[in-house]
Amino acid sequence: MKILGVTACPSGVAHTYMAAEALSKAAKKRGHSIKVETQGSIGIENTIRAEEVVDADIIILTKDMAIKNKERFAGKPIINVGVGDVVRKADIIVAKAEEVIAQRVQK
């Protein structure tokens, strides 16, 4: 499964990057490819390209603040989660992403 994520938090510092790392580790541990863009206090890093969006199976976005350029994910399945939840429960969130994709395949 190809996962894209965007993490951002109100202060744009620690949780943004902690969430990106936790999500990356959880996805890789389960055998998925992942790229996580961070939208922190120093701007957007690890920018997701249009061709990556086309190839992605699912998008995971943090919802604690507005994600810039969110419209580029239109038509893709999206999971919106709190940045703190990503830090603490990344494994559960990746499992939920697997569930969402499995349900779409069954339809």
C-alpha atoms as a PDB file:
ATOM      1  CA  MET A   1       0.000   0.000   0.000  1.00  0.00           C
ATOM      2  CA  LYS A   2       1.226   3.500  -0.805  1.00  0.00           C
ATOM      3  CA  ILE A   3       0.470   6.014   1.921  1.00  0.00           C
ATOM      4  CA  LEU A   4       0.917   9.767   1.882  1.00  0.00           C
ATOM      5  CA  GLY A   5       0.698  11.832   5.027  1.00  0.00           C
ATOM      6  CA  VAL A   6       0.771  15.483   5.977  1.00  0.00           C
ATOM      7  CA  THR A   7       1.464  16.490   9.556  1.00  0.00           C
ATOM      8  CA  ALA A   8       1.061  19.927  11.103  1.00  0.00           C
ATOM      9  CA  CYS A   9       0.440  21.213  14.607  1.00  0.00           C
ATOM     10  CA  PRO A  10      -0.514  24.641  15.956  1.00  0.00           C
ATOM     11  CA  SER A  11       3.020  25.478  17.120  1.00  0.00           C
ATOM     12  CA  GLY A  12       4.593  23.813  14.085  1.00  0.00           C
ATOM     13  CA  VAL A  13       7.483  22.363  15.986  1.00  0.00           C
ATOM     14  CA  ALA A  14       7.834  19.115  17.902  1.00  0.00           C
ATOM     15  CA  HIS A  15       4.515  17.351  17.287  1.00  0.00           C
ATOM     16  CA  THR A  16       4.646  17.975  13.537  1.00  0.00           C
ATOM     17  CA  TYR A  17       7.920  16.067  13.265  1.00  0.00           C
ATOM     18  CA  MET A  18       7.160  13.483  15.959  1.00  0.00           C
ATOM     19  CA  ALA A  19       3.943  12.586  14.134  1.00  0.00           C
ATOM     20  CA  ALA A  20       5.748  12.291  10.795  1.00  0.00           C
ATOM     21  CA  GLU A  21       8.341   9.965  12.311  1.00  0.00           C
ATOM     22  CA  ALA A  22       5.766   7.821  14.134  1.00  0.00           C
ATOM     23  CA  LEU A  23       3.635   7.452  11.008  1.00  0.00           C
ATOM     24  CA  SER A  24       6.635   6.543   8.864  1.00  0.00           C
ATOM     25  CA  LYS A  25       7.834   3.912  11.327  1.00  0.00           C
ATOM     26  CA  ALA A  26       4.379   2.354  11.716  1.00  0.00           C
ATOM     27  CA  ALA A  27       3.783   2.148   7.958  1.00  0.00           C
ATOM     28  CA  LYS A  28       7.205   0.686   7.192  1.00  0.00           C
ATOM     29  CA  LYS A  29       6.836  -1.840  10.022  1.00  0.00           C
ATOM     30  CA  ARG A  30       3.666  -3.094   8.314  1.00  0.00           C
ATOM     31  CA  GLY A  31       5.385  -3.260   4.907  1.00  0.00           C
ATOM     32  CA  HIS A  32       3.897  -0.142   3.305  1.00  0.00           C
ATOM     33  CA  SER A  33       5.623   2.637   1.417  1.00  0.00           C
ATOM     34  CA  ILE A  34       5.036   6.094   2.846  1.00  0.00           C
ATOM     35  CA  LYS A  35       5.973   9.706   2.349  1.00  0.00           C
ATOM     36  CA  VAL A  36       5.107  12.325   4.937  1.00  0.00           C
ATOM     37  CA  GLU A  37       5.111  16.044   4.225  1.00  0.00           C
ATOM     38  CA  THR A  38       5.578  18.294   7.239  1.00  0.00           C
ATOM     39  CA  GLN A  39       4.009  21.721   7.457  1.00  0.00           C
ATOM     40  CA  GLY A  40       5.893  23.187  10.386  1.00  0.00           C
ATOM     41  CA  SER A  41       7.109  26.525  11.623  1.00  0.00           C
ATOM     42  CA  ILE A  42       9.905  26.551   9.044  1.00  0.00           C
ATOM     43  CA  GLY A  43       7.517  25.925   6.161  1.00  0.00           C
ATOM     44  CA  ILE A  44       6.638  22.892   4.072  1.00  0.00           C
ATOM     45  CA  GLU A  45       9.257  20.158   3.940  1.00  0.00           C
ATOM     46  CA  ASN A  46       9.360  16.883   2.026  1.00  0.00           C
ATOM     47  CA  THR A  47       6.722  18.242  -0.355  1.00  0.00           C
ATOM     48  CA  ILE A  48       4.399  15.671  -1.897  1.00  0.00           C
ATOM     49  CA  ARG A  49       4.483  15.823  -5.700  1.00  0.00           C
ATOM     50  CA  ALA A  50       1.441  15.470  -7.976  1.00  0.00           C
ATOM     51  CA  GLU A  51       2.615  12.122  -9.368  1.00  0.00           C
ATOM     52  CA  GLU A  52       2.905  10.766  -5.825  1.00  0.00           C
ATOM     53  CA  VAL A  53      -0.718  11.714  -5.180  1.00  0.00           C
ATOM     54  CA  VAL A  54      -1.797   9.849  -8.321  1.00  0.00           C
ATOM     55  CA  ASP A  55      -0.005   6.688  -7.140  1.00  0.00           C
ATOM     56  CA  ALA A  56      -1.174   6.900  -3.509  1.00  0.00           C
ATOM     57  CA  ASP A  57      -3.748   4.494  -2.101  1.00  0.00           C
ATOM     58  CA  ILE A  58      -4.668   6.635   0.897  1.00  0.00           C
ATOM     59  CA  ILE A  59      -3.883   9.977   2.505  1.00  0.00           C
ATOM     60  CA  ILE A  60      -3.465  10.550   6.250  1.00  0.00           C
ATOM     61  CA  LEU A  61      -3.830  14.175   7.378  1.00  0.00           C
ATOM     62  CA  THR A  62      -3.579  15.717  10.801  1.00  0.00           C
ATOM     63  CA  LYS A  63      -6.576  17.885  11.649  1.00  0.00           C
ATOM     64  CA  ASP A  64      -5.302  20.181  14.394  1.00  0.00           C
ATOM     65  CA  MET A  65      -4.900  23.033  11.942  1.00  0.00           C
ATOM     66  CA  ALA A  66      -5.606  23.691   8.272  1.00  0.00           C
ATOM     67  CA  ILE A  67      -3.439  21.702   5.878  1.00  0.00           C
ATOM     68  CA  LYS A  68      -2.088  23.812   3.030  1.00  0.00           C
ATOM     69  CA  ASN A  69      -2.879  22.604  -0.513  1.00  0.00           C
ATOM     70  CA  LYS A  70      -5.328  19.978   0.750  1.00  0.00           C
ATOM     71  CA  GLU A  71      -7.285  20.183  -2.523  1.00  0.00           C
ATOM     72  CA  ARG A  72      -4.534  18.187  -4.284  1.00  0.00           C
ATOM     73  CA  PHE A  73      -5.865  15.083  -2.540  1.00  0.00           C
ATOM     74  CA  ALA A  74      -9.393  15.359  -3.986  1.00  0.00           C
ATOM     75  CA  GLY A  75     -10.800  11.971  -4.947  1.00  0.00           C
ATOM     76  CA  LYS A  76      -8.428  10.005  -2.716  1.00  0.00           C
ATOM     77  CA  PRO A  77      -9.517   8.290   0.494  1.00  0.00           C
ATOM     78  CA  ILE A  78      -8.487  10.490   3.418  1.00  0.00           C
ATOM     79  CA  ILE A  79      -8.155   9.776   7.118  1.00  0.00           C
ATOM     80  CA  ASN A  80      -8.139  12.881   9.343  1.00  0.00           C
ATOM     81  CA  VAL A  81      -6.584  12.417  12.774  1.00  0.00           C
ATOM     82  CA  GLY A  82      -5.238  14.542  15.587  1.00  0.00           C
ATOM     83  CA  VAL A  83      -1.489  15.090  15.562  1.00  0.00           C
ATOM     84  CA  GLY A  84      -1.251  13.776  19.134  1.00  0.00           C
ATOM     85  CA  ASP A  85      -3.086  10.612  18.123  1.00  0.00           C
ATOM     86  CA  VAL A  86      -0.576  10.037  15.341  1.00  0.00           C
ATOM     87  CA  VAL A  87       2.279  10.336  17.826  1.00  0.00           C
ATOM     88  CA  ARG A  88       0.679   7.916  20.303  1.00  0.00           C
ATOM     89  CA  LYS A  89      -1.334   5.583  18.052  1.00  0.00           C
ATOM     90  CA  ALA A  90       0.396   5.465  14.669  1.00  0.00           C
ATOM     91  CA  ASP A  91       0.091   1.657  14.467  1.00  0.00           C
ATOM     92  CA  ILE A  92      -3.677   1.859  14.957  1.00  0.00           C
ATOM     93  CA  ILE A  93      -3.980   4.609  12.344  1.00  0.00           C
ATOM     94  CA  VAL A  94      -2.049   2.586   9.755  1.00  0.00           C
ATOM     95  CA  ALA A  95      -4.260  -0.422  10.544  1.00  0.00           C
ATOM     96  CA  LYS A  96      -7.299   1.807   9.955  1.00  0.00           C
ATOM     97  CA  ALA A  97      -5.829   2.854   6.593  1.00  0.00           C
ATOM     98  CA  GLU A  98      -5.489  -0.832   5.662  1.00  0.00           C
ATOM     99  CA  GLU A  99      -9.135  -1.343   6.618  1.00  0.00           C
ATOM    100  CA  VAL A 100     -10.303   1.581   4.490  1.00  0.00           C
ATOM    101  CA  ILE A 101      -8.407   0.301   1.459  1.00  0.00           C
ATOM    102  CA  ALA A 102      -9.647  -3.274   1.973  1.00  0.00           C
ATOM    103  CA  GLN A 103     -13.242  -2.017   2.075  1.00  0.00           C
ATOM    104  CA  ARG A 104     -12.747  -0.027  -1.132  1.00  0.00           C
ATOM    105  CA  VAL A 105     -11.317  -3.074  -2.894  1.00  0.00           C
ATOM    106  CA  GLN A 106     -14.334  -5.181  -1.864  1.00  0.00           C
ATOM    107  CA  LYS A 107     -16.803  -2.709  -3.403  1.00  0.00           C
END
